[in-house]
C-alpha atoms as a PDB file:
ATOM      1  CA  MET A   1    -131.026 159.658 -46.520  1.00  0.00           C
ATOM      2  CA  GLU A   2    -127.220 159.657 -46.792  1.00  0.00           C
ATOM      3  CA  GLN A   3    -125.567 161.931 -49.338  1.00  0.00           C
ATOM      4  CA  ASN A   4    -122.516 160.871 -51.333  1.00  0.00           C
ATOM      5  CA  ASP A   5    -119.792 163.490 -50.707  1.00  0.00           C
ATOM      6  CA  LYS A   6    -117.252 162.358 -53.303  1.00  0.00           C
ATOM      7  CA  LYS A   7    -115.454 165.283 -54.886  1.00  0.00           C
ATOM      8  CA  VAL A   8    -113.483 165.278 -58.104  1.00  0.00           C
ATOM      9  CA  ALA A   9    -109.966 166.597 -57.699  1.00  0.00           C
ATOM     10  CA  CYS A  10    -106.877 166.842 -59.865  1.00  0.00           C
ATOM     11  CA  PRO A  11    -104.726 163.721 -59.509  1.00  0.00           C
ATOM     12  CA  LYS A  12    -101.586 165.847 -59.932  1.00  0.00           C
ATOM     13  CA  CYS A  13    -102.098 168.692 -57.417  1.00  0.00           C
ATOM     14  CA  ASP A  14    -105.333 167.648 -55.607  1.00  0.00           C
ATOM     15  CA  ASN A  15    -107.043 170.925 -56.504  1.00  0.00           C
ATOM     16  CA  ASP A  16    -110.839 170.778 -56.836  1.00  0.00           C
ATOM     17  CA  GLU A  17    -111.230 173.831 -59.122  1.00  0.00           C
ATOM     18  CA  LEU A  18    -111.831 172.055 -62.418  1.00  0.00           C
ATOM     19  CA  GLN A  19    -113.389 172.903 -65.767  1.00  0.00           C
ATOM     20  CA  ALA A  20    -115.212 170.326 -67.894  1.00  0.00           C
ATOM     21  CA  ILE A  21    -114.351 170.315 -71.608  1.00  0.00           C
ATOM     22  CA  SER A  22    -115.386 168.165 -74.568  1.00  0.00           C
ATOM     23  CA  ASP A  23    -113.053 167.325 -77.440  1.00  0.00           C
ATOM     24  CA  THR A  24    -114.731 166.240 -80.697  1.00  0.00           C
ATOM     25  CA  HIS A  25    -112.668 164.680 -83.437  1.00  0.00           C
ATOM     26  CA  GLY A  26    -113.280 162.648 -86.547  1.00  0.00           C
ATOM     27  CA  LYS A  27    -114.822 163.192 -89.919  1.00  0.00           C
ATOM     28  CA  GLY A  28    -118.434 164.035 -90.548  1.00  0.00           C
ATOM     29  CA  ALA A  29    -120.390 164.385 -93.768  1.00  0.00           C
ATOM     30  CA  SER A  30    -118.698 166.748 -96.200  1.00  0.00           C
ATOM     31  CA  PHE A  31    -120.547 169.209 -98.367  1.00  0.00           C
ATOM     32  CA  TRP A  32    -119.325 167.617-101.618  1.00  0.00           C
ATOM     33  CA  LYS A  33    -120.204 164.116-100.496  1.00  0.00           C
ATOM     34  CA  LEU A  34    -123.771 165.237 -99.792  1.00  0.00           C
ATOM     35  CA  CYS A  35    -124.022 167.054-103.135  1.00  0.00           C
ATOM     36  CA  LEU A  36    -122.644 164.175-105.193  1.00  0.00           C
ATOM     37  CA  CYS A  37    -124.305 161.296-103.419  1.00  0.00           C
ATOM     38  CA  GLY A  38    -127.468 162.870-101.980  1.00  0.00           C
ATOM     39  CA  ILE A  39    -129.203 160.789 -99.355  1.00  0.00           C
ATOM     40  CA  LEU A  40    -126.854 157.877 -99.991  1.00  0.00           C
ATOM     41  CA  GLY A  41    -123.976 160.192 -99.056  1.00  0.00           C
ATOM     42  CA  LEU A  42    -125.253 160.198 -95.485  1.00  0.00           C
ATOM     43  CA  CYS A  43    -124.406 156.516 -95.049  1.00  0.00           C
ATOM     44  CA  GLY A  44    -121.381 156.364 -92.765  1.00  0.00           C
ATOM     45  CA  ALA A  45    -121.348 160.142 -92.333  1.00  0.00           C
ATOM     46  CA  GLY A  46    -121.403 160.219 -88.532  1.00  0.00           C
ATOM     47  CA  LYS A  47    -117.899 159.011 -87.795  1.00  0.00           C
ATOM     48  CA  THR A  48    -117.063 161.455 -85.024  1.00  0.00           C
ATOM     49  CA  LYS A  49    -116.018 160.779 -81.458  1.00  0.00           C
ATOM     50  CA  THR A  50    -116.402 163.000 -78.420  1.00  0.00           C
ATOM     51  CA  ASP A  51    -114.129 162.689 -75.387  1.00  0.00           C
ATOM     52  CA  HIS A  52    -114.892 164.446 -72.091  1.00  0.00           C
ATOM     53  CA  TYR A  53    -112.120 165.770 -69.874  1.00  0.00           C
ATOM     54  CA  TRP A  54    -111.507 167.724 -66.687  1.00  0.00           C
ATOM     55  CA  VAL A  55    -108.912 170.507 -66.810  1.00  0.00           C
ATOM     56  CA  CYS A  56    -107.377 171.716 -63.563  1.00  0.00           C
ATOM     57  CA  LYS A  57    -107.475 175.502 -63.208  1.00  0.00           C
ATOM     58  CA  ASN A  58    -104.428 175.416 -60.939  1.00  0.00           C
ATOM     59  CA  CYS A  59    -101.840 173.336 -62.814  1.00  0.00           C
ATOM     60  CA  GLY A  60    -103.493 172.803 -66.235  1.00  0.00           C
ATOM     61  CA  ASN A  61    -103.526 169.009 -65.974  1.00  0.00           C
ATOM     62  CA  LYS A  62    -106.037 167.383 -68.351  1.00  0.00           C
ATOM     63  CA  PHE A  63    -107.608 164.047 -67.396  1.00  0.00           C
ATOM     64  CA  LYS A  64    -110.591 161.964 -68.493  1.00  0.00           C
ATOM     65  CA  MET A  65    -113.902 162.091 -66.656  1.00  0.00           C
END
């Protein structure tokens, strides 16, 4: 069986010492919305987005996975 030897490297400096990070942004359910609206306040509450990136430990370049 053949193994795939692709390595991920920084496109800027070609270093392979990378760290994976996740960046979450957006707006979730607020405390007041849940108190005032109860269960109905949960409708549309999950409007967050998560992006995944690699960060080069050598030059600090940040790029998408």
